[in-house]
Amino acid sequence: MIKLGLNAVALRFLTFLSSNTVKVKLEDFYVILPHPANFALHKLIIFQRRIKEEKAIKDRITAVEILRALISKGDAAVVRQVFDSVPQNWQKKIKQGLEEAKEKEILSMLTVR
């Protein structure tokens, strides 16, 4: 066995991406991807942690576009279900991200009971 002097470290929030997946066929093979709702909500959490502002802006825009597409497709309940499945502190970050993006409609869809 070769020792590389490396330690494996679990990356925050990545299990959230792998906990709900979709299988997509690309040409002759399948790719397993995070469900778009998980991906978008994940982006709303991590954009606030980005050091580079341009990456943060890109993440925020991507998240909002995906959420809008899911909602317009009729998958608002799926987005809500994924949102409800995450810990309260993640929900707070997601809400903060939507507030920063001035996305009142999506925010109210997630928070109004």
PDB file of N, CA and C in Angstrom:
ATOM      1  N   MET A   1       0.835  -1.172   0.000  1.00  0.00           N
ATOM      2  CA  MET A   1       0.000   0.000   0.000  1.00  0.00           C
ATOM      3  C   MET A   1       0.885   1.243   0.000  1.00  0.00           C
ATOM      4  N   ILE A   2       0.513   2.213  -0.821  1.00  0.00           N
ATOM      5  CA  ILE A   2       1.260   3.469  -0.925  1.00  0.00           C
ATOM      6  C   ILE A   2       0.591   4.511  -0.042  1.00  0.00           C
ATOM      7  N   LYS A   3       1.381   5.190   0.760  1.00  0.00           N
ATOM      8  CA  LYS A   3       0.848   6.259   1.593  1.00  0.00           C
ATOM      9  C   LYS A   3       1.077   7.585   0.874  1.00  0.00           C
ATOM     10  N   LEU A   4      -0.010   8.304   0.667  1.00  0.00           N
ATOM     11  CA  LEU A   4       0.071   9.574  -0.036  1.00  0.00           C
ATOM     12  C   LEU A   4       0.058  10.774   0.901  1.00  0.00           C
ATOM     13  N   GLY A   5      -0.177  10.538   2.181  1.00  0.00           N
ATOM     14  CA  GLY A   5      -0.232  11.654   3.125  1.00  0.00           C
ATOM     15  C   GLY A   5      -1.490  12.485   2.961  1.00  0.00           C
ATOM     16  N   LEU A   6      -2.580  11.863   2.511  1.00  0.00           N
ATOM     17  CA  LEU A   6      -3.841  12.565   2.309  1.00  0.00           C
ATOM     18  C   LEU A   6      -4.882  12.044   3.279  1.00  0.00           C
ATOM     19  N   ASN A   7      -5.782  12.894   3.667  1.00  0.00           N
ATOM     20  CA  ASN A   7      -6.909  12.497   4.502  1.00  0.00           C
ATOM     21  C   ASN A   7      -8.194  12.813   3.765  1.00  0.00           C
ATOM     22  N   ALA A   8      -9.106  11.854   3.730  1.00  0.00           N
ATOM     23  CA  ALA A   8     -10.407  12.089   3.103  1.00  0.00           C
ATOM     24  C   ALA A   8     -11.247  12.951   4.033  1.00  0.00           C
ATOM     25  N   VAL A   9     -11.918  13.928   3.445  1.00  0.00           N
ATOM     26  CA  VAL A   9     -12.769  14.819   4.213  1.00  0.00           C
ATOM     27  C   VAL A   9     -14.128  14.877   3.532  1.00  0.00           C
ATOM     28  N   ALA A  10     -15.178  14.682   4.309  1.00  0.00           N
ATOM     29  CA  ALA A  10     -16.532  14.787   3.749  1.00  0.00           C
ATOM     30  C   ALA A  10     -16.810  16.253   3.410  1.00  0.00           C
ATOM     31  N   LEU A  11     -17.308  16.489   2.219  1.00  0.00           N
ATOM     32  CA  LEU A  11     -17.631  17.851   1.809  1.00  0.00           C
ATOM     33  C   LEU A  11     -19.065  18.162   2.213  1.00  0.00           C
ATOM     34  N   ARG A  12     -19.248  19.325   2.802  1.00  0.00           N
ATOM     35  CA  ARG A  12     -20.565  19.721   3.280  1.00  0.00           C
ATOM     36  C   ARG A  12     -21.573  19.770   2.142  1.00  0.00           C
ATOM     37  N   PHE A  13     -22.744  19.329   2.439  1.00  0.00           N
ATOM     38  CA  PHE A  13     -23.906  19.430   1.563  1.00  0.00           C
ATOM     39  C   PHE A  13     -23.909  18.452   0.383  1.00  0.00           C
ATOM     40  N   LEU A  14     -22.838  17.671   0.165  1.00  0.00           N
ATOM     41  CA  LEU A  14     -22.810  16.795  -1.004  1.00  0.00           C
ATOM     42  C   LEU A  14     -23.740  15.592  -0.876  1.00  0.00           C
ATOM     43  N   THR A  15     -23.985  15.121   0.331  1.00  0.00           N
ATOM     44  CA  THR A  15     -24.937  14.019   0.480  1.00  0.00           C
ATOM     45  C   THR A  15     -26.336  14.473   0.094  1.00  0.00           C
ATOM     46  N   PHE A  16     -26.612  15.742   0.258  1.00  0.00           N
ATOM     47  CA  PHE A  16     -27.905  16.299  -0.165  1.00  0.00           C
ATOM     48  C   PHE A  16     -28.087  16.131  -1.674  1.00  0.00           C
ATOM     49  N   LEU A  17     -27.007  16.283  -2.429  1.00  0.00           N
ATOM     50  CA  LEU A  17     -27.086  16.117  -3.886  1.00  0.00           C
ATOM     51  C   LEU A  17     -27.273  14.655  -4.286  1.00  0.00           C
ATOM     52  N   SER A  18     -26.653  13.754  -3.559  1.00  0.00           N
ATOM     53  CA  SER A  18     -26.727  12.335  -3.938  1.00  0.00           C
ATOM     54  C   SER A  18     -27.922  11.617  -3.324  1.00  0.00           C
ATOM     55  N   SER A  19     -28.663  12.282  -2.447  1.00  0.00           N
ATOM     56  CA  SER A  19     -29.793  11.629  -1.785  1.00  0.00           C
ATOM     57  C   SER A  19     -31.034  11.528  -2.669  1.00  0.00           C
ATOM     58  N   ASN A  20     -31.105  12.304  -3.721  1.00  0.00           N
ATOM     59  CA  ASN A  20     -32.275  12.324  -4.611  1.00  0.00           C
ATOM     60  C   ASN A  20     -31.749  12.554  -6.025  1.00  0.00           C
ATOM     61  N   THR A  21     -31.761  11.514  -6.839  1.00  0.00           N
ATOM     62  CA  THR A  21     -31.127  11.606  -8.156  1.00  0.00           C
ATOM     63  C   THR A  21     -32.097  11.272  -9.281  1.00  0.00           C
ATOM     64  N   VAL A  22     -31.690  11.632 -10.478  1.00  0.00           N
ATOM     65  CA  VAL A  22     -32.398  11.258 -11.700  1.00  0.00           C
ATOM     66  C   VAL A  22     -31.401  10.583 -12.638  1.00  0.00           C
ATOM     67  N   LYS A  23     -31.908   9.674 -13.458  1.00  0.00           N
ATOM     68  CA  LYS A  23     -31.067   8.964 -14.420  1.00  0.00           C
ATOM     69  C   LYS A  23     -31.368   9.524 -15.806  1.00  0.00           C
ATOM     70  N   VAL A  24     -30.335   9.998 -16.484  1.00  0.00           N
ATOM     71  CA  VAL A  24     -30.486  10.642 -17.784  1.00  0.00           C
ATOM     72  C   VAL A  24     -29.677   9.858 -18.820  1.00  0.00           C
ATOM     73  N   LYS A  25     -30.317   9.563 -19.970  1.00  0.00           N
ATOM     74  CA  LYS A  25     -29.603   8.855 -21.023  1.00  0.00           C
ATOM     75  C   LYS A  25     -28.915   9.868 -21.934  1.00  0.00           C
ATOM     76  N   LEU A  26     -27.605   9.689 -22.114  1.00  0.00           N
ATOM     77  CA  LEU A  26     -26.809  10.501 -23.030  1.00  0.00           C
ATOM     78  C   LEU A  26     -26.191   9.563 -24.044  1.00  0.00           C
ATOM     79  N   GLU A  27     -26.671   9.659 -25.256  1.00  0.00           N
ATOM     80  CA  GLU A  27     -26.228   8.780 -26.329  1.00  0.00           C
ATOM     81  C   GLU A  27     -26.372   7.317 -25.916  1.00  0.00           C
ATOM     82  N   ASP A  28     -25.269   6.609 -25.700  1.00  0.00           N
ATOM     83  CA  ASP A  28     -25.348   5.180 -25.409  1.00  0.00           C
ATOM     84  C   ASP A  28     -25.190   4.829 -23.932  1.00  0.00           C
ATOM     85  N   PHE A  29     -25.208   5.803 -23.048  1.00  0.00           N
ATOM     86  CA  PHE A  29     -25.033   5.476 -21.632  1.00  0.00           C
ATOM     87  C   PHE A  29     -25.897   6.379 -20.759  1.00  0.00           C
ATOM     88  N   TYR A  30     -26.025   5.992 -19.516  1.00  0.00           N
ATOM     89  CA  TYR A  30     -26.816   6.739 -18.549  1.00  0.00           C
ATOM     90  C   TYR A  30     -25.911   7.469 -17.571  1.00  0.00           C
ATOM     91  N   VAL A  31     -26.372   8.649 -17.156  1.00  0.00           N
ATOM     92  CA  VAL A  31     -25.662   9.451 -16.166  1.00  0.00           C
ATOM     93  C   VAL A  31     -26.631   9.696 -15.009  1.00  0.00           C
ATOM     94  N   ILE A  32     -26.150   9.510 -13.810  1.00  0.00           N
ATOM     95  CA  ILE A  32     -26.965   9.792 -12.629  1.00  0.00           C
ATOM     96  C   ILE A  32     -26.606  11.186 -12.134  1.00  0.00           C
ATOM     97  N   LEU A  33     -27.627  12.035 -12.039  1.00  0.00           N
ATOM     98  CA  LEU A  33     -27.445  13.435 -11.649  1.00  0.00           C
ATOM     99  C   LEU A  33     -28.313  13.768 -10.441  1.00  0.00           C
ATOM    100  N   PRO A  34     -27.955  14.793  -9.701  1.00  0.00           N
ATOM    101  CA  PRO A  34     -28.840  15.235  -8.616  1.00  0.00           C
ATOM    102  C   PRO A  34     -30.185  15.675  -9.196  1.00  0.00           C
ATOM    103  N   HIS A  35     -31.258  15.440  -8.464  1.00  0.00           N
ATOM    104  CA  HIS A  35     -32.559  15.950  -8.899  1.00  0.00           C
ATOM    105  C   HIS A  35     -32.439  17.475  -9.004  1.00  0.00           C
ATOM    106  N   PRO A  36     -33.051  18.090 -10.000  1.00  0.00           N
ATOM    107  CA  PRO A  36     -32.932  19.540 -10.163  1.00  0.00           C
ATOM    108  C   PRO A  36     -33.344  20.344  -8.928  1.00  0.00           C
ATOM    109  N   ALA A  37     -34.326  19.873  -8.175  1.00  0.00           N
ATOM    110  CA  ALA A  37     -34.735  20.595  -6.963  1.00  0.00           C
ATOM    111  C   ALA A  37     -33.609  20.583  -5.933  1.00  0.00           C
ATOM    112  N   ASN A  38     -32.975  19.439  -5.748  1.00  0.00           N
ATOM    113  CA  ASN A  38     -31.845  19.355  -4.824  1.00  0.00           C
ATOM    114  C   ASN A  38     -30.697  20.236  -5.295  1.00  0.00           C
ATOM    115  N   PHE A  39     -30.417  20.167  -6.592  1.00  0.00           N
ATOM    116  CA  PHE A  39     -29.324  20.950  -7.161  1.00  0.00           C
ATOM    117  C   PHE A  39     -29.557  22.451  -6.941  1.00  0.00           C
ATOM    118  N   ALA A  40     -30.771  22.917  -7.233  1.00  0.00           N
ATOM    119  CA  ALA A  40     -31.075  24.344  -7.115  1.00  0.00           C
ATOM    120  C   ALA A  40     -31.013  24.814  -5.662  1.00  0.00           C
ATOM    121  N   LEU A  41     -31.598  24.039  -4.759  1.00  0.00           N
ATOM    122  CA  LEU A  41     -31.566  24.440  -3.347  1.00  0.00           C
ATOM    123  C   LEU A  41     -30.148  24.393  -2.793  1.00  0.00           C
ATOM    124  N   HIS A  42     -29.370  23.435  -3.264  1.00  0.00           N
ATOM    125  CA  HIS A  42     -27.950  23.360  -2.891  1.00  0.00           C
ATOM    126  C   HIS A  42     -27.216  24.625  -3.345  1.00  0.00           C
ATOM    127  N   LYS A  43     -27.488  25.059  -4.564  1.00  0.00           N
ATOM    128  CA  LYS A  43     -26.854  26.276  -5.086  1.00  0.00           C
ATOM    129  C   LYS A  43     -27.219  27.496  -4.236  1.00  0.00           C
ATOM    130  N   LEU A  44     -28.471  27.538  -3.739  1.00  0.00           N
ATOM    131  CA  LEU A  44     -28.877  28.660  -2.896  1.00  0.00           C
ATOM    132  C   LEU A  44     -28.133  28.678  -1.563  1.00  0.00           C
ATOM    133  N   ILE A  45     -27.723  27.522  -1.101  1.00  0.00           N
ATOM    134  CA  ILE A  45     -26.940  27.459   0.134  1.00  0.00           C
ATOM    135  C   ILE A  45     -25.498  27.868  -0.130  1.00  0.00           C
ATOM    136  N   ILE A  46     -24.900  27.281  -1.163  1.00  0.00           N
ATOM    137  CA  ILE A  46     -23.459  27.477  -1.341  1.00  0.00           C
ATOM    138  C   ILE A  46     -23.078  28.823  -1.951  1.00  0.00           C
ATOM    139  N   PHE A  47     -23.992  29.463  -2.705  1.00  0.00           N
ATOM    140  CA  PHE A  47     -23.578  30.734  -3.318  1.00  0.00           C
ATOM    141  C   PHE A  47     -23.201  31.747  -2.243  1.00  0.00           C
ATOM    142  N   GLN A  48     -23.807  31.620  -1.077  1.00  0.00           N
ATOM    143  CA  GLN A  48     -23.527  32.557   0.011  1.00  0.00           C
ATOM    144  C   GLN A  48     -22.167  32.308   0.652  1.00  0.00           C
ATOM    145  N   ARG A  49     -21.568  31.160   0.366  1.00  0.00           N
ATOM    146  CA  ARG A  49     -20.269  30.792   0.927  1.00  0.00           C
ATOM    147  C   ARG A  49     -19.124  31.056  -0.049  1.00  0.00           C
ATOM    148  N   ARG A  50     -19.452  31.429  -1.266  1.00  0.00           N
ATOM    149  CA  ARG A  50     -18.438  31.642  -2.295  1.00  0.00           C
ATOM    150  C   ARG A  50     -17.578  32.856  -1.976  1.00  0.00           C
ATOM    151  N   ILE A  51     -16.305  32.732  -2.259  1.00  0.00           N
ATOM    152  CA  ILE A  51     -15.374  33.850  -2.094  1.00  0.00           C
ATOM    153  C   ILE A  51     -15.423  34.747  -3.323  1.00  0.00           C
ATOM    154  N   LYS A  52     -15.430  34.112  -4.503  1.00  0.00           N
ATOM    155  CA  LYS A  52     -15.463  34.881  -5.746  1.00  0.00           C
ATOM    156  C   LYS A  52     -16.900  35.288  -6.061  1.00  0.00           C
ATOM    157  N   GLU A  53     -17.118  36.582  -6.155  1.00  0.00           N
ATOM    158  CA  GLU A  53     -18.464  37.111  -6.355  1.00  0.00           C
ATOM    159  C   GLU A  53     -19.087  36.629  -7.661  1.00  0.00           C
ATOM    160  N   GLU A  54     -18.287  36.520  -8.726  1.00  0.00           N
ATOM    161  CA  GLU A  54     -18.862  36.096 -10.007  1.00  0.00           C
ATOM    162  C   GLU A  54     -19.394  34.660  -9.945  1.00  0.00           C
ATOM    163  N   LYS A  55     -18.729  33.791  -9.178  1.00  0.00           N
ATOM    164  CA  LYS A  55     -19.228  32.419  -9.004  1.00  0.00           C
ATOM    165  C   LYS A  55     -20.500  32.413  -8.170  1.00  0.00           C
ATOM    166  N   ALA A  56     -20.541  33.271  -7.163  1.00  0.00           N
ATOM    167  CA  ALA A  56     -21.730  33.368  -6.316  1.00  0.00           C
ATOM    168  C   ALA A  56     -22.930  33.831  -7.131  1.00  0.00           C
ATOM    169  N   ILE A  57     -22.730  34.827  -7.952  1.00  0.00           N
ATOM    170  CA  ILE A  57     -23.811  35.343  -8.793  1.00  0.00           C
ATOM    171  C   ILE A  57     -24.292  34.267  -9.762  1.00  0.00           C
ATOM    172  N   LYS A  58     -23.367  33.555 -10.374  1.00  0.00           N
ATOM    173  CA  LYS A  58     -23.721  32.481 -11.305  1.00  0.00           C
ATOM    174  C   LYS A  58     -24.527  31.390 -10.596  1.00  0.00           C
ATOM    175  N   ASP A  59     -24.096  30.993  -9.405  1.00  0.00           N
ATOM    176  CA  ASP A  59     -24.828  29.978  -8.639  1.00  0.00           C
ATOM    177  C   ASP A  59     -26.243  30.445  -8.313  1.00  0.00           C
ATOM    178  N   ARG A  60     -26.371  31.688  -7.870  1.00  0.00           N
ATOM    179  CA  ARG A  60     -27.687  32.231  -7.511  1.00  0.00           C
ATOM    180  C   ARG A  60     -28.617  32.274  -8.719  1.00  0.00           C
ATOM    181  N   ILE A  61     -28.110  32.746  -9.844  1.00  0.00           N
ATOM    182  CA  ILE A  61     -28.921  32.824 -11.057  1.00  0.00           C
ATOM    183  C   ILE A  61     -29.348  31.430 -11.512  1.00  0.00           C
ATOM    184  N   THR A  62     -28.422  30.489 -11.494  1.00  0.00           N
ATOM    185  CA  THR A  62     -28.719  29.112 -11.888  1.00  0.00           C
ATOM    186  C   THR A  62     -29.808  28.521 -11.001  1.00  0.00           C
ATOM    187  N   ALA A  63     -29.680  28.713  -9.701  1.00  0.00           N
ATOM    188  CA  ALA A  63     -30.662  28.182  -8.754  1.00  0.00           C
ATOM    189  C   ALA A  63     -32.048  28.725  -9.038  1.00  0.00           C
ATOM    190  N   VAL A  64     -32.148  30.018  -9.214  1.00  0.00           N
ATOM    191  CA  VAL A  64     -33.444  30.655  -9.445  1.00  0.00           C
ATOM    192  C   VAL A  64     -34.052  30.187 -10.767  1.00  0.00           C
ATOM    193  N   GLU A  65     -33.251  30.102 -11.815  1.00  0.00           N
ATOM    194  CA  GLU A  65     -33.764  29.647 -13.112  1.00  0.00           C
ATOM    195  C   GLU A  65     -34.305  28.222 -13.030  1.00  0.00           C
ATOM    196  N   ILE A  66     -33.588  27.350 -12.340  1.00  0.00           N
ATOM    197  CA  ILE A  66     -34.038  25.961 -12.199  1.00  0.00           C
ATOM    198  C   ILE A  66     -35.327  25.903 -11.381  1.00  0.00           C
ATOM    199  N   LEU A  67     -35.381  26.634 -10.280  1.00  0.00           N
ATOM    200  CA  LEU A  67     -36.593  26.631  -9.460  1.00  0.00           C
ATOM    201  C   LEU A  67     -37.788  27.172 -10.229  1.00  0.00           C
ATOM    202  N   ARG A  68     -37.593  28.244 -10.967  1.00  0.00           N
ATOM    203  CA  ARG A  68     -38.692  28.787 -11.791  1.00  0.00           C
ATOM    204  C   ARG A  68     -39.170  27.757 -12.808  1.00  0.00           C
ATOM    205  N   ALA A  69     -38.226  27.058 -13.455  1.00  0.00           N
ATOM    206  CA  ALA A  69     -38.591  26.049 -14.449  1.00  0.00           C
ATOM    207  C   ALA A  69     -39.365  24.901 -13.807  1.00  0.00           C
ATOM    208  N   LEU A  70     -38.917  24.452 -12.658  1.00  0.00           N
ATOM    209  CA  LEU A  70     -39.625  23.368 -11.968  1.00  0.00           C
ATOM    210  C   LEU A  70     -41.039  23.789 -11.578  1.00  0.00           C
ATOM    211  N   ILE A  71     -41.164  24.997 -11.055  1.00  0.00           N
ATOM    212  CA  ILE A  71     -42.475  25.497 -10.638  1.00  0.00           C
ATOM    213  C   ILE A  71     -43.399  25.651 -11.835  1.00  0.00           C
ATOM    214  N   SER A  72     -42.892  26.210 -12.927  1.00  0.00           N
ATOM    215  CA  SER A  72     -43.735  26.398 -14.117  1.00  0.00           C
ATOM    216  C   SER A  72     -44.119  25.067 -14.758  1.00  0.00           C
ATOM    217  N   LYS A  73     -43.311  24.047 -14.545  1.00  0.00           N
ATOM    218  CA  LYS A  73     -43.596  22.704 -15.060  1.00  0.00           C
ATOM    219  C   LYS A  73     -44.613  21.965 -14.185  1.00  0.00           C
ATOM    220  N   GLY A  74     -44.922  22.535 -13.040  1.00  0.00           N
ATOM    221  CA  GLY A  74     -45.882  21.904 -12.142  1.00  0.00           C
ATOM    222  C   GLY A  74     -45.247  21.095 -11.029  1.00  0.00           C
ATOM    223  N   ASP A  75     -43.957  21.295 -10.790  1.00  0.00           N
ATOM    224  CA  ASP A  75     -43.241  20.534  -9.764  1.00  0.00           C
ATOM    225  C   ASP A  75     -42.994  21.330  -8.483  1.00  0.00           C
ATOM    226  N   ALA A  76     -43.854  22.294  -8.190  1.00  0.00           N
ATOM    227  CA  ALA A  76     -43.686  23.084  -6.968  1.00  0.00           C
ATOM    228  C   ALA A  76     -43.740  22.196  -5.728  1.00  0.00           C
ATOM    229  N   ALA A  77     -44.596  21.179  -5.749  1.00  0.00           N
ATOM    230  CA  ALA A  77     -44.708  20.280  -4.593  1.00  0.00           C
ATOM    231  C   ALA A  77     -43.408  19.521  -4.347  1.00  0.00           C
ATOM    232  N   VAL A  78     -42.716  19.158  -5.420  1.00  0.00           N
ATOM    233  CA  VAL A  78     -41.438  18.457  -5.288  1.00  0.00           C
ATOM    234  C   VAL A  78     -40.405  19.385  -4.657  1.00  0.00           C
ATOM    235  N   VAL A  79     -40.357  20.623  -5.120  1.00  0.00           N
ATOM    236  CA  VAL A  79     -39.421  21.605  -4.561  1.00  0.00           C
ATOM    237  C   VAL A  79     -39.720  21.796  -3.076  1.00  0.00           C
ATOM    238  N   ARG A  80     -40.990  21.931  -2.757  1.00  0.00           N
ATOM    239  CA  ARG A  80     -41.403  22.120  -1.355  1.00  0.00           C
ATOM    240  C   ARG A  80     -41.016  20.910  -0.508  1.00  0.00           C
ATOM    241  N   GLN A  81     -41.214  19.713  -1.043  1.00  0.00           N
ATOM    242  CA  GLN A  81     -40.878  18.481  -0.322  1.00  0.00           C
ATOM    243  C   GLN A  81     -39.373  18.412  -0.036  1.00  0.00           C
ATOM    244  N   VAL A  82     -38.560  18.749  -1.028  1.00  0.00           N
ATOM    245  CA  VAL A  82     -37.107  18.736  -0.833  1.00  0.00           C
ATOM    246  C   VAL A  82     -36.717  19.794   0.197  1.00  0.00           C
ATOM    247  N   PHE A  83     -37.296  20.981   0.084  1.00  0.00           N
ATOM    248  CA  PHE A  83     -37.028  22.056   1.047  1.00  0.00           C
ATOM    249  C   PHE A  83     -37.374  21.609   2.465  1.00  0.00           C
ATOM    250  N   ASP A  84     -38.542  20.988   2.631  1.00  0.00           N
ATOM    251  CA  ASP A  84     -38.989  20.543   3.948  1.00  0.00           C
ATOM    252  C   ASP A  84     -38.112  19.432   4.519  1.00  0.00           C
ATOM    253  N   SER A  85     -37.373  18.733   3.669  1.00  0.00           N
ATOM    254  CA  SER A  85     -36.558  17.602   4.114  1.00  0.00           C
ATOM    255  C   SER A  85     -35.198  18.011   4.686  1.00  0.00           C
ATOM    256  N   VAL A  86     -34.811  19.266   4.483  1.00  0.00           N
ATOM    257  CA  VAL A  86     -33.482  19.688   4.944  1.00  0.00           C
ATOM    258  C   VAL A  86     -33.565  20.277   6.348  1.00  0.00           C
ATOM    259  N   PRO A  87     -32.445  20.294   7.073  1.00  0.00           N
ATOM    260  CA  PRO A  87     -32.430  20.863   8.424  1.00  0.00           C
ATOM    261  C   PRO A  87     -32.831  22.339   8.434  1.00  0.00           C
ATOM    262  N   GLN A  88     -33.326  22.789   9.581  1.00  0.00           N
ATOM    263  CA  GLN A  88     -33.791  24.174   9.736  1.00  0.00           C
ATOM    264  C   GLN A  88     -32.723  25.204   9.362  1.00  0.00           C
ATOM    265  N   ASN A  89     -31.459  24.946   9.737  1.00  0.00           N
ATOM    266  CA  ASN A  89     -30.420  25.938   9.415  1.00  0.00           C
ATOM    267  C   ASN A  89     -30.172  26.013   7.915  1.00  0.00           C
ATOM    268  N   TRP A  90     -30.364  24.909   7.172  1.00  0.00           N
ATOM    269  CA  TRP A  90     -30.249  24.947   5.715  1.00  0.00           C
ATOM    270  C   TRP A  90     -31.435  25.706   5.137  1.00  0.00           C
ATOM    271  N   GLN A  91     -32.631  25.466   5.697  1.00  0.00           N
ATOM    272  CA  GLN A  91     -33.812  26.192   5.236  1.00  0.00           C
ATOM    273  C   GLN A  91     -33.610  27.694   5.405  1.00  0.00           C
ATOM    274  N   LYS A  92     -33.023  28.077   6.516  1.00  0.00           N
ATOM    275  CA  LYS A  92     -32.760  29.499   6.773  1.00  0.00           C
ATOM    276  C   LYS A  92     -31.824  30.067   5.706  1.00  0.00           C
ATOM    277  N   LYS A  93     -30.769  29.319   5.350  1.00  0.00           N
ATOM    278  CA  LYS A  93     -29.837  29.771   4.311  1.00  0.00           C
ATOM    279  C   LYS A  93     -30.534  29.877   2.952  1.00  0.00           C
ATOM    280  N   ILE A  94     -31.382  28.897   2.639  1.00  0.00           N
ATOM    281  CA  ILE A  94     -32.120  28.928   1.370  1.00  0.00           C
ATOM    282  C   ILE A  94     -33.013  30.159   1.325  1.00  0.00           C
ATOM    283  N   LYS A  95     -33.719  30.428   2.413  1.00  0.00           N
ATOM    284  CA  LYS A  95     -34.589  31.617   2.482  1.00  0.00           C
ATOM    285  C   LYS A  95     -33.764  32.896   2.316  1.00  0.00           C
ATOM    286  N   GLN A  96     -32.606  32.954   2.989  1.00  0.00           N
ATOM    287  CA  GLN A  96     -31.740  34.126   2.852  1.00  0.00           C
ATOM    288  C   GLN A  96     -31.298  34.309   1.403  1.00  0.00           C
ATOM    289  N   GLY A  97     -30.969  33.198   0.742  1.00  0.00           N
ATOM    290  CA  GLY A  97     -30.559  33.265  -0.655  1.00  0.00           C
ATOM    291  C   GLY A  97     -31.662  33.789  -1.548  1.00  0.00           C
ATOM    292  N   LEU A  98     -32.887  33.341  -1.301  1.00  0.00           N
ATOM    293  CA  LEU A  98     -34.028  33.810  -2.097  1.00  0.00           C
ATOM    294  C   LEU A  98     -34.339  35.274  -1.801  1.00  0.00           C
ATOM    295  N   GLU A  99     -34.173  35.682  -0.562  1.00  0.00           N
ATOM    296  CA  GLU A  99     -34.363  37.100  -0.219  1.00  0.00           C
ATOM    297  C   GLU A  99     -33.334  37.967  -0.925  1.00  0.00           C
ATOM    298  N   GLU A 100     -32.082  37.513  -0.916  1.00  0.00           N
ATOM    299  CA  GLU A 100     -31.018  38.261  -1.587  1.00  0.00           C
ATOM    300  C   GLU A 100     -31.277  38.346  -3.090  1.00  0.00           C
ATOM    301  N   ALA A 101     -31.844  37.278  -3.655  1.00  0.00           N
ATOM    302  CA  ALA A 101     -32.153  37.256  -5.087  1.00  0.00           C
ATOM    303  C   ALA A 101     -33.465  37.983  -5.400  1.00  0.00           C
ATOM    304  N   LYS A 102     -34.121  38.480  -4.350  1.00  0.00           N
ATOM    305  CA  LYS A 102     -35.404  39.179  -4.496  1.00  0.00           C
ATOM    306  C   LYS A 102     -36.454  38.290  -5.170  1.00  0.00           C
ATOM    307  N   GLU A 103     -36.486  37.038  -4.762  1.00  0.00           N
ATOM    308  CA  GLU A 103     -37.415  36.055  -5.311  1.00  0.00           C
ATOM    309  C   GLU A 103     -38.549  35.803  -4.324  1.00  0.00           C
ATOM    310  N   LYS A 104     -39.408  36.807  -4.162  1.00  0.00           N
ATOM    311  CA  LYS A 104     -40.499  36.740  -3.198  1.00  0.00           C
ATOM    312  C   LYS A 104     -41.493  35.626  -3.524  1.00  0.00           C
ATOM    313  N   GLU A 105     -41.746  35.408  -4.806  1.00  0.00           N
ATOM    314  CA  GLU A 105     -42.729  34.393  -5.206  1.00  0.00           C
ATOM    315  C   GLU A 105     -42.267  32.986  -4.820  1.00  0.00           C
ATOM    316  N   ILE A 106     -41.011  32.672  -5.113  1.00  0.00           N
ATOM    317  CA  ILE A 106     -40.480  31.353  -4.756  1.00  0.00           C
ATOM    318  C   ILE A 106     -40.402  31.230  -3.239  1.00  0.00           C
ATOM    319  N   LEU A 107     -39.961  32.268  -2.579  1.00  0.00           N
ATOM    320  CA  LEU A 107     -39.848  32.271  -1.126  1.00  0.00           C
ATOM    321  C   LEU A 107     -41.203  32.016  -0.472  1.00  0.00           C
ATOM    322  N   SER A 108     -42.228  32.689  -0.949  1.00  0.00           N
ATOM    323  CA  SER A 108     -43.544  32.498  -0.348  1.00  0.00           C
ATOM    324  C   SER A 108     -44.085  31.097  -0.636  1.00  0.00           C
ATOM    325  N   MET A 109     -43.773  30.542  -1.808  1.00  0.00           N
ATOM    326  CA  MET A 109     -44.206  29.182  -2.126  1.00  0.00           C
ATOM    327  C   MET A 109     -43.587  28.180  -1.149  1.00  0.00           C
ATOM    328  N   LEU A 110     -42.359  28.435  -0.722  1.00  0.00           N
ATOM    329  CA  LEU A 110     -41.696  27.524   0.200  1.00  0.00           C
ATOM    330  C   LEU A 110     -42.119  27.720   1.654  1.00  0.00           C
ATOM    331  N   THR A 111     -42.484  28.919   2.022  1.00  0.00           N
ATOM    332  CA  THR A 111     -42.695  29.220   3.439  1.00  0.00           C
ATOM    333  C   THR A 111     -44.156  29.318   3.855  1.00  0.00           C
ATOM    334  N   VAL A 112     -45.067  29.606   2.950  1.00  0.00           N
ATOM    335  CA  VAL A 112     -46.476  29.721   3.314  1.00  0.00           C
ATOM    336  C   VAL A 112     -47.049  28.329   3.501  1.00  0.00           C
ATOM    337  N   ARG A 113     -47.645  28.100   4.624  1.00  0.00           N
ATOM    338  CA  ARG A 113     -48.223  26.776   4.948  1.00  0.00           C
ATOM    339  C   ARG A 113     -49.701  26.787   4.732  1.00  0.00           C
TER     340      ARG A 113
END
